[in-house]
Every structure is written in C-alpha cells, then in structure tokens.
Amino acid sequence: MYFYDLAGYGKMIMDRIRTSAYQQALVRAIKPGDVVVDLGAGTGLFTLHACRLGAKLVHVIEPNPMIQVAREIVRANGFSDRVTFHQAMSFDVELPQPADVIVTDPRGVLPLMERAIPTIIDARRRLLKPGGVLIPYRDTIWAALVEANEIYSTHYEDPWRRSNDGFNLGPARQRRVNTVSRHHLKHGQLLSVPVPWATLDYLIVETASAQGTVQFEVLRPGLAHGFILWFDSELIDGINLSNAPGKPELIYGQLFFPMQEPVPVVRKQLITVDVRADPVGDDYVWQWTTVANCPTASDKIIRYHQSSFFNNVSTVQELEKRSDTYPPSLNREGQIYKRALDLMHSGRRLGQIAQIISEEFPQRFGNAEEALAFVGDLSVRLCA
C-alpha cells in the first residue's frame, strides 16, 4: 500500500477544482445531524467541511499515520467533539450505526488502483445505511488514441535503442513497453474521438476487475504511440469531475499505455484495443491487445499483446511461490516473524519479546535494542 506524505496531501488540497467539486457535493449531500464517514480521509479536509455543514458525527477512517495530523487539524478547528478517528483499513472498522453519507476519493490516476474498489464495495455494504449517499457514486473511464512522441522517446525508446553504447538492451525495453505510467497530455495529442471503456457504478458494483473493448477511429494522419485512459466522475447529481485532456488540469493526470512499436495511422483507420484490469495482491495487472490494419499494406495486420505482468522482474522461483500448489516452508526471516508474533499472542511485553528473539536469532539482531525496533514496528502494523 502506498502512503502519501504531507507534501502529497498538500498537492491534493491545492487542486482547487477537485476540492471545490467535493465541497459542492458535500453541501448537497449533508444535512444537519447526519453521520458521515470520511473514507481515506488523509489530513481531514472533507471532515472539516462535513462538520461545518452540521454533521452530528464524522468517522475518519485512514490507515496512514498521517491521521495524527488530521486529529490536530480537527482539534485546531474546534470539531473534536464530533469526530471519531479510526487508524485502520476500513475492512477492520465497525460502526455503532451506519452512516448517512460516505465520502471518498478512491483514485490515483484512475479509481482502479490498489484496493480502492473492494474498499468502496465493503463500505457500501457495511458502513452506509440503505438509501444513504455515496460520494462519488459513478466513474466512467474513457479511452483515446494518442500521439505522444516525447513520452514514448523518453521512456520507451531513447534509453534502450539510442543511448545503448552499441549494446542490445532489448530485454529491458521489452519490459518497459509493458509498463503503464501517469502523464498529463494535451487535447491536441488525441488521434481519435474519446470512447467509453468502463463504467464503475459504486452503488451496485460487485467486482474490482474491469474489461472492455474499444474501437478508435483515427481523426488525422499521425503516429500512434499508445492510448490513454481517464475518468469522468459523477460525485452527486449535477456535480462532476473530469481529468480529460483539454479540461483544466487536475492532480490525477491520465494513464498512458504504450504501443509495442509506434503505429503510423491515417484518417478513418480503425484500431481496436481490448483492455483488462485485474486486481492481483495490492494492485492491478493490466492487459491490452491492439489490432490494426497496416495503412501501407491492407492485407497486413498489426497485433500487439502487452501486459504489466510482463514487466514483472520476479524470478521463476518467486512465481512458483505464488502458485496455489506451492507447499510453503518458512525461511529464517519468516521464522523470526512467526516467533515474534507467537510471543505477542502469548501476552508478553515488547521488551521481553525483544530480549528473547535477540537471544534466539543472534545473527539477525546485534542486541535487544535492534530486536525492540523490529518488534515495535510489528506492533504498530499488526496489533490492535
């Protein structure tokens, strides 16, 4: 899981288009006396707005230690008596009563990141009362073919083919062209009319995966370096937010998917791309298959199959260890973790645990102080 630092939260607050849209949505959603959940609250800006609008109680849910800053900010604004803090993943939070409103910004570049969608699904089921308001309630993800020479050259071409000192760096490039990345593109870089790829209706969505096929009709001659995805969000009826190219720039940017090789295109040419996103562990694996007729030879078909999985640098042994048939056996580090957790479960204090594991694993810990730092970190991460 990625945790923002204070500078990162500052950048989100400074995106006034984003914060203003959410503020307007909260004005429409919150009535005096409401119970509100600020899901992934960060430093608590939405919580402050909810309190100002008359919320009776706001539950701040945020696993990041930055929640302490939110506590201080809430106290500085005089709202401490109306805010309850939960430093935890929302899956581990139980509320005494369901909320009237849940507000969250689940997105990185797209809402399909880390465990955002499962978090929303769980919160909707357990933390929101029937008929309650969920902000946002729908995201539509759009796609367009783009010409992006600078991005492609900088990230996918120059290091591996032009600045290679005469060596074959093809294996590195092959991994790189299977990597998606965040960029801010201009409307003039679009080579096709935007088309919708997927719609996430948070009031009914039940799966974190997404799949869809888009067909791009080329608007002008050019060189297609890839395509991009972005979102149009409906926060609440009448209040929208979009990171589309050509709109005022938001903090999110767009997600760029490179072609295996740039494709020359002509007006009215059709290019089909099948795109799939599946959660694996704490993030997503993307797959995209591109099919296009070659404009200089009508009988030639260009077909690229790419996946962020191909960028995985895991060894064969690491992949085997992820298999459902693998019989796990703890290595020394695993044994240390198990021993420490068993001792925690037995009710011993951290000082006692540190002394025991420093004696049992002297090659790992030079002294009890090093062991205490280790078990202290485990305590922060895993203990209630």
Protein backbone atom coordinates (compact mmCIF):
# COMPACT_ATOMS: atom_id res chain seq x y z
CA MET A 1 0.00 0.00 0.00
CA TYR A 2 1.26 3.46 -0.91
CA PHE A 3 1.03 6.13 1.79
CA TYR A 4 1.04 9.80 0.85
CA ASP A 5 3.29 12.13 2.80
CA LEU A 6 2.30 15.61 3.91
CA ALA A 7 3.59 17.15 0.68
CA GLY A 8 1.38 14.76 -1.30
CA TYR A 9 -1.70 15.71 0.69
CA GLY A 10 -0.80 19.35 0.19
CA LYS A 11 -0.82 18.88 -3.58
CA MET A 12 -4.27 17.28 -3.39
CA ILE A 13 -5.58 20.18 -1.32
CA MET A 14 -4.09 22.67 -3.79
CA ASP A 15 -6.04 21.07 -6.63
CA ARG A 16 -8.87 23.53 -6.14
CA ILE A 17 -11.00 22.12 -8.95
CA ARG A 18 -11.01 18.77 -7.16
CA THR A 19 -11.59 20.13 -3.66
CA SER A 20 -14.25 22.60 -4.82
CA ALA A 21 -16.21 19.86 -6.60
CA TYR A 22 -16.13 17.68 -3.50
CA GLN A 23 -17.14 20.64 -1.33
CA GLN A 24 -20.16 21.31 -3.55
CA ALA A 25 -21.12 17.63 -3.42
CA LEU A 26 -20.93 17.64 0.38
CA VAL A 27 -23.13 20.76 0.52
CA ARG A 28 -25.80 18.90 -1.42
CA ALA A 29 -25.44 15.63 0.49
CA ILE A 30 -25.07 16.51 4.18
CA LYS A 31 -27.96 17.59 6.36
CA PRO A 32 -27.62 18.79 9.95
CA GLY A 33 -27.50 15.79 12.27
CA ASP A 34 -26.10 13.37 9.68
CA VAL A 35 -23.49 10.74 10.42
CA VAL A 36 -20.67 10.90 7.85
CA VAL A 37 -17.77 8.59 7.00
CA ASP A 38 -14.66 10.21 5.54
CA LEU A 39 -13.09 7.15 3.93
CA GLY A 40 -9.35 7.51 3.32
CA ALA A 41 -9.52 10.90 4.97
CA GLY A 42 -5.87 11.93 4.74
CA THR A 43 -5.44 15.17 6.64
CA GLY A 44 -9.21 15.55 7.05
CA LEU A 45 -10.30 18.35 4.70
CA PHE A 46 -13.62 16.66 3.85
CA THR A 47 -14.17 16.04 7.57
CA LEU A 48 -13.86 19.76 8.27
CA HIS A 49 -16.43 20.54 5.59
CA ALA A 50 -18.79 17.90 6.97
CA CYS A 51 -18.56 19.38 10.47
CA ARG A 52 -19.11 22.90 9.15
CA LEU A 53 -22.24 21.66 7.35
CA GLY A 54 -23.72 20.36 10.59
CA ALA A 55 -22.79 16.68 10.69
CA LYS A 56 -23.54 15.21 14.11
CA LEU A 57 -20.65 12.75 13.89
CA VAL A 58 -17.86 12.13 11.39
CA HIS A 59 -15.94 8.87 11.33
CA VAL A 60 -12.43 9.46 9.98
CA ILE A 61 -11.01 6.24 8.52
CA GLU A 62 -7.36 6.40 7.47
CA PRO A 63 -4.63 3.74 7.85
CA ASN A 64 -1.83 6.24 7.20
CA PRO A 65 -0.05 7.51 10.35
CA MET A 66 -0.82 10.94 8.87
CA ILE A 67 -4.16 10.56 10.67
CA GLN A 68 -2.41 12.17 13.64
CA VAL A 69 -2.16 15.37 11.61
CA ALA A 70 -5.89 15.11 10.91
CA ARG A 71 -6.51 14.85 14.66
CA GLU A 72 -4.54 18.02 15.27
CA ILE A 73 -6.29 19.87 12.43
CA VAL A 74 -9.73 18.83 13.67
CA ARG A 75 -8.78 19.96 17.19
CA ALA A 76 -7.44 23.27 15.87
CA ASN A 77 -10.81 23.94 14.22
CA GLY A 78 -12.86 23.09 17.31
CA PHE A 79 -14.57 19.96 15.97
CA SER A 80 -13.03 17.26 18.17
CA ASP A 81 -16.30 16.53 19.98
CA ARG A 82 -17.91 15.48 16.68
CA VAL A 83 -15.14 13.38 15.13
CA THR A 84 -14.10 9.79 15.82
CA PHE A 85 -10.80 8.58 14.40
CA HIS A 86 -10.07 5.05 13.14
CA GLN A 87 -6.46 4.40 12.14
CA ALA A 88 -7.17 1.22 10.24
CA MET A 89 -8.21 -0.22 6.93
CA SER A 90 -11.96 0.24 6.62
CA PHE A 91 -12.40 -3.56 6.43
CA ASP A 92 -11.43 -3.64 10.11
CA VAL A 93 -13.77 -0.82 11.22
CA GLU A 94 -17.16 -1.42 12.80
CA LEU A 95 -19.56 1.49 13.37
CA PRO A 96 -22.22 1.71 16.07
CA GLN A 97 -24.67 2.90 13.43
CA PRO A 98 -24.47 3.12 9.63
CA ALA A 99 -23.65 6.45 8.05
CA ASP A 100 -25.96 8.74 6.14
CA VAL A 101 -23.10 9.82 3.84
CA ILE A 102 -19.79 8.27 2.80
CA VAL A 103 -17.29 10.47 1.00
CA THR A 104 -14.07 9.18 -0.53
CA ASP A 105 -11.59 9.95 -3.28
CA PRO A 106 -10.59 6.43 -4.35
CA ARG A 107 -8.37 7.42 -7.23
CA GLY A 108 -4.76 7.54 -8.16
CA VAL A 109 -4.64 8.20 -11.88
CA LEU A 110 -7.76 6.02 -12.10
CA PRO A 111 -10.07 4.53 -9.49
CA LEU A 112 -8.63 1.14 -10.49
CA MET A 113 -5.69 1.20 -8.13
CA GLU A 114 -4.61 -0.78 -5.09
CA ARG A 115 -7.71 -1.88 -3.09
CA ALA A 116 -9.89 1.15 -3.80
CA ILE A 117 -12.83 -0.69 -5.38
CA PRO A 118 -13.03 -3.51 -2.79
CA THR A 119 -12.86 -0.83 -0.09
CA ILE A 120 -15.81 1.03 -1.58
CA ILE A 121 -17.82 -2.19 -2.04
CA ASP A 122 -17.24 -3.19 1.59
CA ALA A 123 -18.01 0.29 2.93
CA ARG A 124 -21.23 0.48 0.93
CA ARG A 125 -22.39 -2.88 2.27
CA ARG A 126 -21.45 -2.43 5.93
CA LEU A 127 -20.98 1.26 6.73
CA LEU A 128 -23.70 3.03 4.69
CA LYS A 129 -27.35 2.91 5.65
CA PRO A 130 -29.89 1.85 2.98
CA GLY A 131 -30.62 4.83 0.77
CA GLY A 132 -27.55 6.67 2.04
CA VAL A 133 -25.40 8.91 -0.14
CA LEU A 134 -22.11 7.66 -1.58
CA ILE A 135 -19.70 10.27 -2.99
CA PRO A 136 -18.71 9.59 -5.74
CA TYR A 137 -21.49 7.39 -6.99
CA ARG A 138 -20.22 6.72 -10.51
CA ASP A 139 -17.00 6.92 -12.55
CA THR A 140 -16.86 6.46 -16.32
CA ILE A 141 -13.43 5.60 -17.73
CA TRP A 142 -12.69 6.93 -21.22
CA ALA A 143 -10.05 6.00 -23.78
CA ALA A 144 -8.41 7.71 -26.75
CA LEU A 145 -5.55 7.01 -29.14
CA VAL A 146 -2.69 9.50 -28.72
CA GLU A 147 0.40 10.84 -30.39
CA ALA A 148 2.97 11.26 -27.64
CA ASN A 149 6.44 11.37 -29.16
CA GLU A 150 8.19 12.95 -26.17
CA ILE A 151 6.73 10.46 -23.68
CA TYR A 152 7.49 7.49 -25.91
CA SER A 153 11.03 8.61 -26.74
CA THR A 154 11.92 9.43 -23.13
CA HIS A 155 10.54 6.28 -21.53
CA TYR A 156 10.32 3.57 -24.15
CA GLU A 157 12.82 4.33 -26.92
CA ASP A 158 15.87 6.50 -26.25
CA PRO A 159 17.41 4.71 -23.23
CA TRP A 160 17.18 1.29 -24.87
CA ARG A 161 17.83 1.96 -28.56
CA ARG A 162 19.60 5.29 -28.97
CA SER A 163 21.75 5.62 -25.85
CA ASN A 164 22.76 1.97 -25.60
CA ASP A 165 26.50 2.32 -26.44
CA GLY A 166 26.01 -0.19 -29.22
CA PHE A 167 24.74 -2.94 -26.94
CA ASN A 168 21.49 -4.86 -27.27
CA LEU A 169 19.24 -3.63 -24.45
CA GLY A 170 16.16 -5.25 -25.95
CA PRO A 171 15.19 -7.31 -22.89
CA ALA A 172 14.96 -4.12 -20.81
CA ARG A 173 12.93 -2.34 -23.47
CA GLN A 174 10.58 -5.30 -23.76
CA ARG A 175 9.77 -4.93 -20.09
CA ARG A 176 9.42 -1.17 -20.38
CA VAL A 177 6.84 -1.25 -23.18
CA ASN A 178 4.69 -3.38 -20.89
CA THR A 179 4.57 -0.62 -18.28
CA VAL A 180 1.74 1.87 -17.86
CA SER A 181 2.52 5.32 -16.47
CA ARG A 182 0.91 8.58 -15.42
CA HIS A 183 1.23 11.67 -17.61
CA HIS A 184 -0.58 14.92 -18.39
CA LEU A 185 -1.49 15.03 -22.09
CA LYS A 186 -3.00 17.82 -24.17
CA HIS A 187 -6.18 17.64 -26.22
CA GLY A 188 -4.15 18.24 -29.39
CA GLN A 189 -2.36 14.93 -28.85
CA LEU A 190 -5.55 12.91 -29.32
CA LEU A 191 -5.71 10.93 -32.57
CA SER A 192 -9.26 9.69 -32.07
CA VAL A 193 -12.59 10.67 -30.62
CA PRO A 194 -12.76 9.57 -26.95
CA VAL A 195 -14.81 6.43 -26.35
CA PRO A 196 -16.05 4.97 -23.03
CA TRP A 197 -14.19 1.88 -21.83
CA ALA A 198 -15.82 1.03 -18.47
CA THR A 199 -18.36 2.41 -16.02
CA LEU A 200 -17.98 1.92 -12.28
CA ASP A 201 -21.34 2.43 -10.60
CA TYR A 202 -20.34 2.36 -6.94
CA LEU A 203 -23.92 1.84 -5.78
CA ILE A 204 -24.06 -1.59 -7.44
CA VAL A 205 -20.51 -2.63 -8.43
CA GLU A 206 -19.54 -6.05 -7.05
CA THR A 207 -16.17 -6.75 -8.66
CA ALA A 208 -12.84 -4.95 -8.70
CA SER A 209 -11.94 -6.18 -12.20
CA ALA A 210 -12.79 -4.29 -15.37
CA GLN A 211 -12.69 -5.31 -19.02
CA GLY A 212 -13.81 -3.78 -22.29
CA THR A 213 -13.01 -3.44 -25.98
CA VAL A 214 -12.70 -0.01 -27.60
CA GLN A 215 -12.51 0.86 -31.27
CA PHE A 216 -10.69 4.04 -32.19
CA GLU A 217 -11.45 5.82 -35.47
CA VAL A 218 -8.43 7.88 -36.41
CA LEU A 219 -9.16 11.59 -36.92
CA ARG A 220 -5.95 12.63 -38.69
CA PRO A 221 -2.71 11.19 -40.02
CA GLY A 222 -0.07 10.71 -37.38
CA LEU A 223 1.96 8.25 -35.34
CA ALA A 224 0.07 6.42 -32.61
CA HIS A 225 2.40 5.90 -29.67
CA GLY A 226 -0.29 4.45 -27.43
CA PHE A 227 -3.60 5.25 -25.82
CA ILE A 228 -4.70 6.82 -22.57
CA LEU A 229 -7.43 6.23 -20.01
CA TRP A 230 -9.02 8.88 -17.79
CA PHE A 231 -12.19 9.25 -15.74
CA ASP A 232 -15.30 11.39 -15.65
CA SER A 233 -16.69 11.25 -12.13
CA GLU A 234 -20.25 11.95 -11.00
CA LEU A 235 -19.81 12.89 -7.36
CA ILE A 236 -23.50 13.60 -6.83
CA ASP A 237 -26.27 14.63 -9.19
CA GLY A 238 -25.12 17.76 -11.02
CA ILE A 239 -21.56 17.81 -9.61
CA ASN A 240 -18.94 16.27 -11.88
CA LEU A 241 -15.17 15.99 -12.02
CA SER A 242 -13.03 15.04 -15.03
CA ASN A 243 -9.33 14.64 -15.75
CA ALA A 244 -9.86 14.52 -19.53
CA PRO A 245 -7.20 16.10 -21.77
CA GLY A 246 -8.34 19.60 -22.64
CA LYS A 247 -10.10 20.12 -19.32
CA PRO A 248 -8.43 22.22 -16.60
CA GLU A 249 -5.53 20.09 -15.38
CA LEU A 250 -6.16 18.03 -12.25
CA ILE A 251 -3.66 16.32 -10.00
CA TYR A 252 -4.55 12.88 -11.36
CA GLY A 253 -3.24 13.06 -14.94
CA GLN A 254 -4.04 10.26 -17.39
CA LEU A 255 -2.81 6.66 -17.60
CA PHE A 256 -0.67 6.04 -20.70
CA PHE A 257 -0.45 2.62 -22.35
CA PRO A 258 2.41 2.40 -24.88
CA MET A 259 2.27 0.52 -28.16
CA GLN A 260 4.91 -2.18 -28.55
CA GLU A 261 6.03 -0.12 -31.55
CA PRO A 262 4.53 3.19 -32.74
CA VAL A 263 1.88 2.68 -35.41
CA PRO A 264 1.56 5.08 -38.41
CA VAL A 265 -2.13 5.89 -38.85
CA VAL A 266 -4.31 7.55 -41.46
CA ARG A 267 -7.68 9.27 -41.24
CA LYS A 268 -10.65 6.94 -40.71
CA GLN A 269 -8.40 3.97 -39.95
CA LEU A 270 -9.86 1.70 -37.25
CA ILE A 271 -7.77 0.42 -34.36
CA THR A 272 -9.25 -1.99 -31.83
CA VAL A 273 -7.88 -2.44 -28.33
CA ASP A 274 -9.07 -4.94 -25.75
CA VAL A 275 -8.20 -3.73 -22.23
CA ARG A 276 -8.44 -5.69 -19.00
CA ALA A 277 -7.57 -4.77 -15.40
CA ASP A 278 -7.47 -7.40 -12.66
CA PRO A 279 -6.52 -6.91 -9.01
CA VAL A 280 -3.54 -9.02 -8.00
CA GLY A 281 -2.31 -8.62 -4.45
CA ASP A 282 -2.46 -4.94 -3.55
CA ASP A 283 -2.50 -3.57 -7.09
CA TYR A 284 -3.68 -4.25 -10.66
CA VAL A 285 -2.32 -6.22 -13.58
CA TRP A 286 -3.21 -4.57 -16.88
CA GLN A 287 -3.51 -6.37 -20.22
CA TRP A 288 -4.05 -4.67 -23.57
CA THR A 289 -4.22 -6.23 -27.04
CA THR A 290 -4.05 -3.92 -30.06
CA VAL A 291 -5.21 -4.90 -33.54
CA ALA A 292 -4.80 -2.59 -36.55
CA ASN A 293 -4.64 -2.79 -40.33
CA CYS A 294 -1.33 -1.56 -41.70
CA PRO A 295 -2.09 1.65 -43.67
CA THR A 296 0.61 0.87 -46.29
CA ALA A 297 -0.39 -2.77 -46.79
CA SER A 298 -4.09 -3.52 -46.38
CA ASP A 299 -3.51 -7.25 -46.10
CA LYS A 300 -1.10 -6.86 -43.18
CA ILE A 301 -2.46 -6.96 -39.64
CA ILE A 302 -0.61 -5.40 -36.72
CA ARG A 303 -1.27 -7.22 -33.45
CA TYR A 304 0.38 -6.38 -30.13
CA HIS A 305 -0.36 -8.18 -26.88
CA GLN A 306 1.02 -6.40 -23.83
CA SER A 307 0.62 -6.75 -20.08
CA SER A 308 2.07 -5.15 -17.00
CA PHE A 309 2.66 -8.73 -15.87
CA PHE A 310 5.46 -8.93 -18.45
CA ASN A 311 7.20 -6.10 -16.61
CA ASN A 312 7.37 -8.27 -13.50
CA VAL A 313 11.02 -8.94 -12.68
CA SER A 314 10.21 -11.81 -10.32
CA THR A 315 12.31 -14.90 -10.70
CA VAL A 316 10.80 -18.24 -11.66
CA GLN A 317 11.19 -19.28 -8.03
CA GLU A 318 9.22 -16.25 -6.84
CA LEU A 319 6.41 -17.03 -9.26
CA GLU A 320 6.34 -20.64 -8.10
CA LYS A 321 5.93 -19.44 -4.52
CA ARG A 322 2.73 -17.64 -5.56
CA SER A 323 1.22 -20.79 -7.04
CA ASP A 324 -1.78 -22.37 -5.34
CA THR A 325 0.06 -25.71 -5.36
CA TYR A 326 3.24 -24.46 -3.66
CA PRO A 327 3.93 -26.03 -0.21
CA PRO A 328 5.37 -23.10 1.81
CA SER A 329 8.22 -23.53 4.24
CA LEU A 330 9.37 -20.53 6.29
CA ASN A 331 12.88 -19.17 5.72
CA ARG A 332 14.83 -17.68 8.63
CA GLU A 333 13.15 -14.28 8.32
CA GLY A 334 9.76 -15.96 8.29
CA GLN A 335 10.69 -17.92 11.38
CA ILE A 336 11.64 -14.69 13.15
CA TYR A 337 8.31 -13.11 12.26
CA LYS A 338 6.41 -16.20 13.41
CA ARG A 339 8.32 -16.37 16.69
CA ALA A 340 7.72 -12.69 17.41
CA LEU A 341 4.02 -12.95 16.60
CA ASP A 342 3.62 -16.07 18.71
CA LEU A 343 5.24 -14.27 21.65
CA MET A 344 2.95 -11.28 21.14
CA HIS A 345 -0.04 -13.61 21.12
CA SER A 346 1.15 -15.12 24.42
CA GLY A 347 0.74 -11.74 26.13
CA ARG A 348 4.39 -10.89 26.73
CA ARG A 349 5.53 -7.27 26.66
CA LEU A 350 7.65 -5.98 23.79
CA GLY A 351 10.78 -5.68 25.91
CA GLN A 352 10.54 -9.35 26.88
CA ILE A 353 9.88 -10.37 23.28
CA ALA A 354 12.87 -8.35 22.05
CA GLN A 355 15.15 -9.99 24.59
CA ILE A 356 14.00 -13.49 23.64
CA ILE A 357 14.32 -13.12 19.87
CA SER A 358 17.67 -11.32 20.13
CA GLU A 359 19.00 -14.35 22.01
CA GLU A 360 17.39 -16.89 19.68
CA PHE A 361 18.44 -15.12 16.46
CA PRO A 362 21.81 -13.50 17.22
CA GLN A 363 22.80 -13.43 13.52
CA ARG A 364 19.77 -11.21 12.79
CA PHE A 365 19.90 -8.89 15.82
CA GLY A 366 23.08 -7.48 17.28
CA ASN A 367 21.38 -6.68 20.56
CA ALA A 368 17.97 -6.36 22.24
CA GLU A 369 17.64 -2.73 21.10
CA GLU A 370 17.69 -3.80 17.44
CA ALA A 371 15.16 -6.52 18.22
CA LEU A 372 12.94 -4.00 20.03
CA ALA A 373 12.89 -1.76 16.95
CA PHE A 374 11.82 -4.80 14.89
CA VAL A 375 9.03 -5.95 17.21
CA GLY A 376 7.93 -2.34 17.76
CA ASP A 377 7.36 -1.98 14.03
CA LEU A 378 5.38 -5.23 14.01
CA SER A 379 3.31 -3.95 16.91
CA VAL A 380 2.42 -0.72 15.09
CA ARG A 381 1.50 -2.56 11.91
CA LEU A 382 -0.31 -5.62 13.21
CA CYS A 383 -1.55 -5.08 16.76
CA ALA A 384 -4.92 -3.66 17.75
